[in-house]
Protein backbone atom coordinates (compact mmCIF):
# COMPACT_ATOMS: atom_id res chain seq x y z
CA MET A 1 5.11 35.36 16.69
CA LYS A 2 2.40 33.33 14.97
CA LYS A 3 3.46 34.56 11.54
CA SER A 4 7.08 33.78 12.36
CA PHE A 5 6.18 30.24 13.38
CA MET A 6 4.15 29.70 10.22
CA ALA A 7 7.03 30.96 8.11
CA VAL A 8 9.43 28.54 9.77
CA ALA A 9 6.98 25.66 9.31
CA ALA A 10 6.56 26.52 5.63
CA SER A 11 10.32 26.69 5.22
CA MET A 12 10.74 23.26 6.83
CA ALA A 13 8.03 21.78 4.61
CA SER A 14 9.74 23.21 1.54
CA ALA A 15 13.06 21.74 2.66
CA VAL A 16 11.50 18.31 3.00
CA LEU A 17 10.06 18.56 -0.51
CA LEU A 18 13.40 19.67 -1.92
CA THR A 19 15.18 16.72 -0.34
CA ALA A 20 12.62 14.13 -1.39
CA ALA A 21 14.00 11.21 -3.40
CA GLU A 22 12.08 8.88 -5.69
CA PRO A 23 12.36 5.09 -5.20
CA VAL A 24 13.13 2.67 -8.02
CA TYR A 25 10.70 0.14 -6.51
CA TYR A 26 7.56 1.16 -4.63
CA ILE A 27 5.06 -1.20 -2.95
CA SER A 28 2.17 0.57 -1.22
CA PHE A 29 -0.09 -2.51 -0.68
CA ASP A 30 -3.08 -0.22 -1.12
CA LYS A 31 -4.89 -2.30 -3.73
CA THR A 32 -2.72 -5.32 -4.50
CA LEU A 33 0.50 -7.15 -3.61
CA GLN A 34 1.94 -6.00 -6.93
CA ALA A 35 4.45 -3.16 -6.78
CA ASN A 36 3.09 0.22 -7.81
CA TYR A 37 6.12 0.51 -10.06
CA GLY A 38 9.63 -0.85 -10.57
CA GLY A 39 11.17 -4.27 -10.92
CA THR A 40 9.75 -5.25 -14.31
CA GLY A 41 12.83 -4.62 -16.43
CA SER A 42 11.16 -1.83 -18.39
CA ALA A 43 10.64 1.85 -17.73
CA SER A 44 7.18 2.93 -16.58
CA VAL A 45 5.54 6.28 -16.02
CA THR A 46 5.49 6.93 -12.28
CA THR A 47 3.75 9.63 -10.33
CA GLY A 48 4.96 8.64 -6.87
CA ASP A 49 1.28 8.36 -5.98
CA SER A 50 -0.04 5.16 -4.39
CA ASN A 51 -3.32 5.71 -6.26
CA GLN A 52 -1.78 5.07 -9.67
CA GLU A 53 -2.43 1.68 -11.25
CA ALA A 54 0.09 -0.95 -10.14
CA VAL A 55 2.47 -1.67 -13.02
CA GLY A 56 5.51 -2.99 -11.13
CA MET A 57 6.86 -6.41 -10.19
CA LYS A 58 4.32 -8.98 -9.10
CA GLY A 59 4.18 -10.29 -5.56
CA VAL A 60 3.87 -14.04 -4.99
CA LEU A 61 2.05 -14.91 -1.79
CA SER A 62 3.61 -17.67 0.30
CA GLN A 63 1.43 -19.34 2.92
CA LYS A 64 1.85 -22.12 5.45
CA SER A 65 -0.94 -24.12 7.09
CA GLY A 66 -3.80 -22.63 5.11
CA LYS A 67 -4.94 -20.61 2.13
CA VAL A 68 -6.13 -17.02 2.28
CA THR A 69 -6.74 -14.80 -0.73
CA ALA A 70 -4.41 -11.84 -1.05
CA ASP A 71 -7.18 -9.28 -0.68
CA LYS A 72 -7.91 -10.59 2.83
CA LEU A 73 -4.35 -9.71 3.84
CA LEU A 74 -4.61 -6.09 2.72
CA VAL A 75 -5.90 -4.24 5.78
CA PRO A 76 -6.02 -0.58 6.85
CA GLY A 77 -2.47 0.70 7.29
CA LEU A 78 -0.68 3.94 7.95
CA ALA A 79 -1.31 5.20 4.42
CA GLY A 80 -4.10 3.33 2.65
CA ASN A 81 -3.76 -0.40 3.16
CA ALA A 82 -0.90 -2.49 4.55
CA PHE A 83 0.13 -6.15 4.19
CA ALA A 84 -0.68 -8.35 7.21
CA SER A 85 2.45 -10.51 7.37
CA GLY A 86 3.21 -13.33 9.77
CA ARG A 87 0.75 -15.52 11.66
CA ASP A 88 -2.96 -14.72 11.63
CA LYS A 89 -5.57 -15.63 14.26
CA SER A 90 -6.16 -18.99 12.58
CA GLY A 91 -2.49 -19.94 12.84
CA ASN A 92 -1.72 -19.44 9.15
CA THR A 93 1.52 -17.66 8.20
CA HIS A 94 1.85 -15.29 5.25
CA SER A 95 4.70 -13.62 3.40
CA VAL A 96 5.13 -12.19 -0.09
CA PHE A 97 8.07 -12.63 -2.48
CA TYR A 98 9.31 -10.51 -5.39
CA LYS A 99 11.92 -10.94 -8.12
CA PRO A 100 12.97 -7.42 -9.13
CA VAL A 101 14.36 -6.83 -12.63
CA PRO A 102 16.88 -5.31 -12.61
CA ALA A 103 18.00 -6.76 -9.32
CA MET A 104 18.30 -4.60 -6.20
CA ASN A 105 21.56 -2.67 -6.19
CA GLY A 106 24.04 -4.49 -3.97
CA LYS A 107 26.67 -1.74 -4.07
CA GLU A 108 24.43 1.08 -2.87
CA CYS A 109 20.81 0.95 -1.70
CA THR A 110 18.23 2.25 0.76
CA ILE A 111 15.15 0.33 1.93
CA SER A 112 12.44 2.24 3.77
CA PHE A 113 9.21 0.79 5.21
CA TRP A 114 6.75 1.09 8.09
CA ILE A 115 5.69 -1.69 10.46
CA LYS A 116 3.07 -2.14 13.17
CA PRO A 117 3.23 -5.09 15.62
CA GLU A 118 -0.28 -6.46 15.97
CA ASN A 119 0.15 -8.93 18.81
CA TRP A 120 3.76 -8.86 20.02
CA PHE A 121 6.09 -6.69 22.09
CA GLY A 122 9.63 -5.47 21.57
CA ASN A 123 10.96 -7.65 24.37
CA ASP A 124 9.26 -10.97 23.53
CA LYS A 125 11.06 -14.27 22.88
CA ASN A 126 10.18 -14.70 19.21
CA GLN A 127 11.89 -13.77 15.95
CA HIS A 128 10.14 -11.28 13.67
CA VAL A 129 11.53 -10.95 10.14
CA PHE A 130 10.26 -7.87 8.32
CA VAL A 131 12.29 -7.71 5.11
CA SER A 132 14.87 -10.05 3.58
CA ALA A 133 16.68 -10.30 0.27
CA SER A 134 18.91 -12.88 -1.41
CA GLY A 135 21.92 -12.44 -3.66
CA PRO A 136 24.72 -14.62 -5.08
CA GLY A 137 25.69 -17.67 -3.04
CA SER A 138 24.50 -17.26 0.53
CA GLN A 139 24.44 -13.45 0.42
CA ARG A 140 21.52 -12.16 2.43
CA LEU A 141 19.99 -9.02 3.79
CA LEU A 142 17.87 -9.56 6.90
CA ILE A 143 15.97 -6.85 8.79
CA TYR A 144 14.48 -8.48 11.87
CA ARG A 145 13.82 -8.44 15.61
CA ILE A 146 16.24 -10.85 17.30
CA PRO A 147 14.53 -13.59 19.36
CA TYR A 148 14.93 -13.40 23.16
CA GLN A 149 16.53 -9.97 22.78
CA SER A 150 14.97 -6.51 22.59
CA ARG A 151 17.00 -5.68 19.49
CA LEU A 152 16.12 -4.68 15.96
CA ALA A 153 18.94 -5.97 13.76
CA VAL A 154 20.32 -5.71 10.24
CA TYR A 155 22.37 -8.61 8.85
CA LEU A 156 24.22 -7.93 5.60
CA GLY A 157 26.55 -10.54 4.13
CA PRO A 158 26.96 -14.31 3.69
CA LEU A 159 24.81 -16.63 5.80
CA SER A 160 27.44 -19.32 5.34
CA ASN A 161 30.03 -17.21 7.17
CA SER A 162 28.51 -14.96 9.81
CA LYS A 163 31.97 -13.65 10.81
CA ALA A 164 32.23 -12.04 7.36
CA ALA A 165 28.78 -10.42 7.64
CA THR A 166 28.10 -6.95 8.98
CA VAL A 167 25.51 -6.84 11.78
CA ILE A 168 24.16 -3.68 13.39
CA PHE A 169 21.29 -3.27 15.83
CA THR A 170 19.36 -0.99 18.16
CA ARG A 171 17.30 -1.81 21.24
CA VAL A 172 13.49 -1.67 20.98
CA PRO A 173 12.19 -2.94 24.37
CA SER A 174 9.38 -0.35 24.45
CA TRP A 175 7.70 -1.49 21.21
CA LYS A 176 4.04 -2.36 21.75
CA PRO A 177 1.17 -3.69 19.63
CA GLY A 178 -0.60 -0.95 17.72
CA GLN A 179 2.42 1.35 17.31
CA TRP A 180 3.76 2.29 13.89
CA HIS A 181 7.52 2.53 13.35
CA GLN A 182 9.56 3.45 10.31
CA ILE A 183 12.65 1.37 9.60
CA THR A 184 15.23 2.50 7.06
CA VAL A 185 18.38 0.57 6.13
CA SER A 186 20.94 2.09 3.79
CA TRP A 187 24.38 1.06 2.63
CA ASN A 188 27.15 1.67 0.14
CA GLU A 189 30.49 -0.03 -0.48
CA ARG A 190 31.86 1.41 2.76
CA ALA A 191 29.18 1.22 5.45
CA VAL A 192 25.65 0.18 6.45
CA GLN A 193 23.32 2.36 8.53
CA LEU A 194 20.05 1.85 10.42
CA HIS A 195 17.50 4.60 11.03
CA LEU A 196 14.46 4.11 13.27
CA ASP A 197 11.62 6.63 13.24
CA GLY A 198 13.77 9.15 11.40
CA VAL A 199 16.76 8.91 13.76
CA SER A 200 20.11 7.26 13.01
CA LYS A 201 20.55 4.43 15.52
CA ALA A 202 23.48 2.34 14.27
CA MET A 203 26.19 2.36 11.63
CA ALA A 204 29.22 0.19 10.86
CA ALA A 205 31.83 -0.31 8.17
CA LEU A 206 31.19 -3.28 5.88
CA LYS A 207 33.34 -6.21 6.93
CA THR A 208 33.50 -7.63 3.41
CA PRO A 209 32.24 -6.37 0.03
CA LEU A 210 28.95 -7.83 -1.18
CA GLU A 211 29.28 -10.31 -4.04
CA GLY A 212 26.57 -8.79 -6.23
CA ASP A 213 23.00 -7.54 -6.46
CA PHE A 214 19.94 -8.94 -4.67
CA TYR A 215 17.61 -10.83 -7.01
CA THR A 216 14.82 -11.78 -4.58
CA LEU A 217 12.95 -9.70 -2.02
CA ALA A 218 10.67 -11.03 0.72
CA ILE A 219 8.26 -9.21 3.02
CA GLY A 220 7.51 -11.07 6.24
CA GLU A 221 9.58 -14.18 5.53
CA HIS A 222 9.07 -16.81 8.22
CA PHE A 223 11.93 -18.94 9.52
CA GLY A 224 10.68 -22.05 11.32
CA GLY A 225 10.80 -22.65 15.05
CA SER A 226 9.56 -19.28 16.23
CA ASP A 227 6.12 -17.71 16.32
CA PRO A 228 6.40 -14.66 14.04
CA GLY A 229 3.27 -13.05 15.41
CA GLN A 230 1.48 -10.70 13.03
CA THR A 231 3.03 -7.50 11.70
CA LEU A 232 1.53 -4.96 9.34
CA VAL A 233 4.03 -3.77 6.70
CA ASP A 234 3.32 -0.62 4.72
CA GLU A 235 4.92 1.74 2.20
CA VAL A 236 7.95 -0.27 1.09
CA ARG A 237 10.24 2.06 -0.88
CA ILE A 238 13.61 1.00 -2.31
CA PHE A 239 16.20 3.40 -3.71
CA ASP A 240 19.28 2.55 -5.77
CA LYS A 241 21.51 4.79 -3.67
CA LYS A 242 22.35 5.47 -0.04
CA LEU A 243 20.12 8.42 0.84
CA THR A 244 21.58 11.49 2.46
CA GLU A 245 20.53 12.48 5.98
CA ALA A 246 18.33 15.21 4.51
CA GLU A 247 16.66 12.71 2.17
CA LEU A 248 16.17 10.24 5.03
CA THR A 249 14.51 12.96 7.08
CA GLY A 250 12.24 13.66 4.12
CA GLU A 251 11.32 9.97 3.92
CA PHE A 252 10.26 9.92 7.55
CA GLN A 253 8.40 13.23 7.40
CA ARG A 254 6.48 12.07 4.32
CA LEU A 255 4.14 10.00 6.51
CA ALA A 256 4.96 11.10 10.07
CA PRO A 257 1.98 13.53 10.14
CA LYS A 258 -0.34 10.50 9.87
CA LEU A 259 0.92 8.96 13.13
CA PRO A 260 -1.47 10.71 15.57
CA ALA A 261 -4.48 9.63 13.50
CA ALA A 262 -3.08 6.09 13.40
CA GLY A 263 -3.22 5.89 17.17
CA ASN A 264 0.31 6.85 18.20
CA GLY A 265 2.47 9.93 18.11
CA LEU A 266 6.20 10.31 17.55
CA HIS A 267 7.61 7.64 19.83
CA ARG A 268 11.38 7.82 19.67
């Protein structure tokens, strides 16, 4: 029985490796805000390892009500270090912006990242923006926790006409400080899909086609009027295609074994 179990486990591990996909942009936050690779307009040798020297697009730190050096915002994360976005204990807010070259694929893309609420709950009254991106006109991608609602949402489309945008969401009332969660958003010209902790939670057909690619990317962008709290963001990986279910499972399993050591198990 033990040998049989080990054989199955080895087979599953091999399947995950076979279905692994490589991102075009990778930001580990282990040593710097700069992307490990991608977004510079030129090809670079990539190993897929967060220990390689960062050669990708540079991150520009945006701060409100104070100045903190970037190294102070790189704190222990799920894998290496993470970026401490949002409001710190001194009341300062922090986010980081990127301008990828070439721009993020608007026709087909997958964005995968991990978050950990530091001082807020899934059912609080505030808005928490984890990832956002801007394209032509008012085209936006927003991945955020809706204020006054226990819902994690994805907004994809024009801000100037919300009726033309596609919005999907899933409820997260049980989120607590100290828990890590993986969020993955993927889309193509037909549909957008949301995965949470390796499980598909929402999907919808695109209401209107996107106008073009996304030329700016923000981690932890703060919209005024709401306390963003503090959220650790780790392992941001962006692919220029909509990953298959097998590839999405591989993305989650890549770091899922670290969850018990990080203080929480698989909380679906």
